[in-house]
C-alpha atoms as a PDB file:
ATOM      1  CA  MET A   1      15.394   0.022  -9.520  1.00  0.00           C
ATOM      2  CA  PRO A   2      15.208  -3.784 -11.331  1.00  0.00           C
ATOM      3  CA  GLU A   3      13.476  -3.623 -15.010  1.00  0.00           C
ATOM      4  CA  ILE A   4      10.422  -5.450 -14.682  1.00  0.00           C
ATOM      5  CA  SER A   5       8.597  -6.608 -18.157  1.00  0.00           C
ATOM      6  CA  LEU A   6       5.119  -5.499 -19.421  1.00  0.00           C
ATOM      7  CA  ASP A   7       3.939  -8.987 -18.531  1.00  0.00           C
ATOM      8  CA  ASP A   8       5.251  -8.715 -14.747  1.00  0.00           C
ATOM      9  CA  ARG A   9       3.910  -5.017 -14.351  1.00  0.00           C
ATOM     10  CA  ALA A  10       0.256  -6.970 -15.538  1.00  0.00           C
ATOM     11  CA  ARG A  11       0.474  -9.468 -13.331  1.00  0.00           C
ATOM     12  CA  VAL A  12       1.451  -7.090 -10.263  1.00  0.00           C
ATOM     13  CA  PHE A  13      -1.684  -4.716 -11.178  1.00  0.00           C
ATOM     14  CA  SER A  14      -3.891  -7.841 -11.594  1.00  0.00           C
ATOM     15  CA  ALA A  15      -2.842  -9.240  -8.196  1.00  0.00           C
ATOM     16  CA  LEU A  16      -3.802  -5.867  -6.268  1.00  0.00           C
ATOM     17  CA  SER A  17      -7.325  -5.643  -8.121  1.00  0.00           C
ATOM     18  CA  ASP A  18      -8.762  -7.707  -5.621  1.00  0.00           C
ATOM     19  CA  PRO A  19      -9.930  -5.727  -2.990  1.00  0.00           C
ATOM     20  CA  THR A  20      -8.815  -8.456  -0.104  1.00  0.00           C
ATOM     21  CA  ARG A  21      -5.345  -8.940  -1.711  1.00  0.00           C
ATOM     22  CA  LEU A  22      -4.765  -4.996  -1.830  1.00  0.00           C
ATOM     23  CA  ARG A  23      -6.086  -5.123   1.906  1.00  0.00           C
ATOM     24  CA  LEU A  24      -3.326  -7.973   2.589  1.00  0.00           C
ATOM     25  CA  VAL A  25      -0.876  -5.513   0.708  1.00  0.00           C
ATOM     26  CA  GLU A  26      -1.705  -2.652   2.829  1.00  0.00           C
ATOM     27  CA  ILE A  27      -1.472  -4.250   6.060  1.00  0.00           C
ATOM     28  CA  LEU A  28       2.218  -5.877   5.035  1.00  0.00           C
ATOM     29  CA  ALA A  29       3.323  -2.522   4.064  1.00  0.00           C
ATOM     30  CA  SER A  30       2.879  -0.893   7.458  1.00  0.00           C
ATOM     31  CA  GLU A  31       4.971  -3.852   8.886  1.00  0.00           C
ATOM     32  CA  GLU A  32       8.586  -5.005   7.958  1.00  0.00           C
ATOM     33  CA  GLU A  33       7.028  -8.608   7.982  1.00  0.00           C
ATOM     34  CA  LEU A  34       4.085 -10.240   9.143  1.00  0.00           C
ATOM     35  CA  CYS A  35       3.516 -14.462   9.695  1.00  0.00           C
ATOM     36  CA  GLY A  36       0.540 -15.558   8.230  1.00  0.00           C
ATOM     37  CA  THR A  37      -1.785 -15.823  11.675  1.00  0.00           C
ATOM     38  CA  GLN A  38      -1.043 -12.244  11.981  1.00  0.00           C
ATOM     39  CA  ILE A  39      -1.826 -11.209   8.730  1.00  0.00           C
ATOM     40  CA  ALA A  40      -5.191 -13.241   8.662  1.00  0.00           C
ATOM     41  CA  HIS A  41      -6.483 -11.920  12.254  1.00  0.00           C
ATOM     42  CA  ARG A  42      -5.330  -8.262  11.041  1.00  0.00           C
ATOM     43  CA  ALA A  43      -7.488  -8.733   7.656  1.00  0.00           C
ATOM     44  CA  GLY A  44     -10.335 -10.466   9.362  1.00  0.00           C
ATOM     45  CA  ILE A  45     -10.003 -13.845   6.846  1.00  0.00           C
ATOM     46  CA  SER A  46      -9.239 -17.566   7.072  1.00  0.00           C
ATOM     47  CA  ILE A  47      -5.686 -19.020   6.951  1.00  0.00           C
ATOM     48  CA  ALA A  48      -7.188 -20.667   4.023  1.00  0.00           C
ATOM     49  CA  LEU A  49      -8.295 -17.747   2.326  1.00  0.00           C
ATOM     50  CA  LEU A  50      -4.813 -16.082   2.865  1.00  0.00           C
ATOM     51  CA  SER A  51      -3.119 -19.026   1.845  1.00  0.00           C
ATOM     52  CA  HIS A  52      -4.970 -18.506  -1.692  1.00  0.00           C
ATOM     53  CA  HIS A  53      -4.165 -14.937  -1.603  1.00  0.00           C
ATOM     54  CA  TRP A  54      -0.863 -15.235  -1.008  1.00  0.00           C
ATOM     55  CA  LYS A  55      -0.342 -17.632  -4.100  1.00  0.00           C
ATOM     56  CA  VAL A  56      -1.585 -14.957  -6.155  1.00  0.00           C
ATOM     57  CA  LEU A  57       0.554 -12.009  -4.664  1.00  0.00           C
ATOM     58  CA  SER A  58       4.221 -14.523  -4.447  1.00  0.00           C
ATOM     59  CA  GLU A  59       3.435 -15.236  -8.395  1.00  0.00           C
ATOM     60  CA  ALA A  60       3.093 -11.845  -9.108  1.00  0.00           C
ATOM     61  CA  ARG A  61       6.142 -11.125  -7.098  1.00  0.00           C
ATOM     62  CA  VAL A  62       4.138  -8.519  -4.955  1.00  0.00           C
ATOM     63  CA  VAL A  63       5.461 -10.337  -2.014  1.00  0.00           C
ATOM     64  CA  ILE A  64       8.282 -12.512  -0.683  1.00  0.00           C
ATOM     65  CA  ARG A  65       7.597 -15.370   1.595  1.00  0.00           C
ATOM     66  CA  GLU A  66      10.082 -17.204   3.787  1.00  0.00           C
ATOM     67  CA  ARG A  67       9.262 -20.471   5.967  1.00  0.00           C
ATOM     68  CA  ARG A  68      10.750 -20.314   9.282  1.00  0.00           C
ATOM     69  CA  GLY A  69      10.040 -23.702  11.133  1.00  0.00           C
ATOM     70  CA  GLN A  70       6.147 -24.589  11.039  1.00  0.00           C
ATOM     71  CA  ARG A  71       5.484 -20.604  10.174  1.00  0.00           C
ATOM     72  CA  GLN A  72       5.693 -18.960   7.208  1.00  0.00           C
ATOM     73  CA  TYR A  73       6.783 -14.986   6.944  1.00  0.00           C
ATOM     74  CA  CYS A  74       5.828 -12.594   4.548  1.00  0.00           C
ATOM     75  CA  LYS A  75       6.770  -8.877   3.223  1.00  0.00           C
ATOM     76  CA  VAL A  76       6.095  -6.879   0.869  1.00  0.00           C
ATOM     77  CA  ASP A  77       8.590  -6.842  -2.154  1.00  0.00           C
ATOM     78  CA  ARG A  78       9.116  -2.720  -2.229  1.00  0.00           C
ATOM     79  CA  GLU A  79      11.232  -3.143  -5.414  1.00  0.00           C
ATOM     80  CA  VAL A  80       8.880  -5.072  -7.208  1.00  0.00           C
ATOM     81  CA  LEU A  81       6.436  -2.534  -6.711  1.00  0.00           C
ATOM     82  CA  GLU A  82       8.133   0.499  -7.413  1.00  0.00           C
ATOM     83  CA  SER A  83       9.320  -0.530 -10.552  1.00  0.00           C
ATOM     84  CA  ALA A  84       5.679  -1.764 -11.423  1.00  0.00           C
ATOM     85  CA  PHE A  85       3.973   1.878 -10.724  1.00  0.00           C
ATOM     86  CA  ALA A  86       7.644   3.539 -12.284  1.00  0.00           C
ATOM     87  CA  TYR A  87       5.941   3.345 -15.426  1.00  0.00           C
ATOM     88  CA  VAL A  88       2.619   4.715 -14.813  1.00  0.00           C
ATOM     89  CA  TRP A  89       3.705   7.348 -12.418  1.00  0.00           C
ATOM     90  CA  PRO A  90       7.250   7.785 -12.549  1.00  0.00           C
ATOM     91  CA  ARG A  91       9.278   9.251  -9.387  1.00  0.00           C
ATOM     92  CA  SER A  92       9.543  12.791 -10.094  1.00  0.00           C
ATOM     93  CA  ARG A  93       5.839  12.623 -10.517  1.00  0.00           C
ATOM     94  CA  LEU A  94       4.757  10.917  -7.443  1.00  0.00           C
ATOM     95  CA  GLN A  95       7.239  13.124  -5.036  1.00  0.00           C
ATOM     96  CA  SER A  96       5.762  16.508  -6.312  1.00  0.00           C
ATOM     97  CA  ALA A  97       2.569  14.850  -5.604  1.00  0.00           C
ATOM     98  CA  ILE A  98       2.921  13.968  -2.404  1.00  0.00           C
ATOM     99  CA  LYS A  99       4.499  17.004  -1.683  1.00  0.00           C
ATOM    100  CA  THR A 100       1.280  19.251  -2.508  1.00  0.00           C
ATOM    101  CA  GLN A 101      -1.051  16.969  -0.419  1.00  0.00           C
END
């Protein structure tokens, strides 16, 4: 797991603080990757609004975007999320919490 600075962790949590962006991450987390139109359709938002939220999530390194032809594909950067959350909820505590649920 890569080290992540305090400022980078703050950007991750700031990006996730918006309900629409959190929903986008949840949608992407359930898939390996999706193209922009698929994400917008599943989230019930316009491509323009998706583009705005994508930018924030990309700058926080929460998602990875890749252009292929005329489409952009996106996936969650699980390592960045895991690194950010590891400081507030260490893996050992997270695993024990999941087991007790």
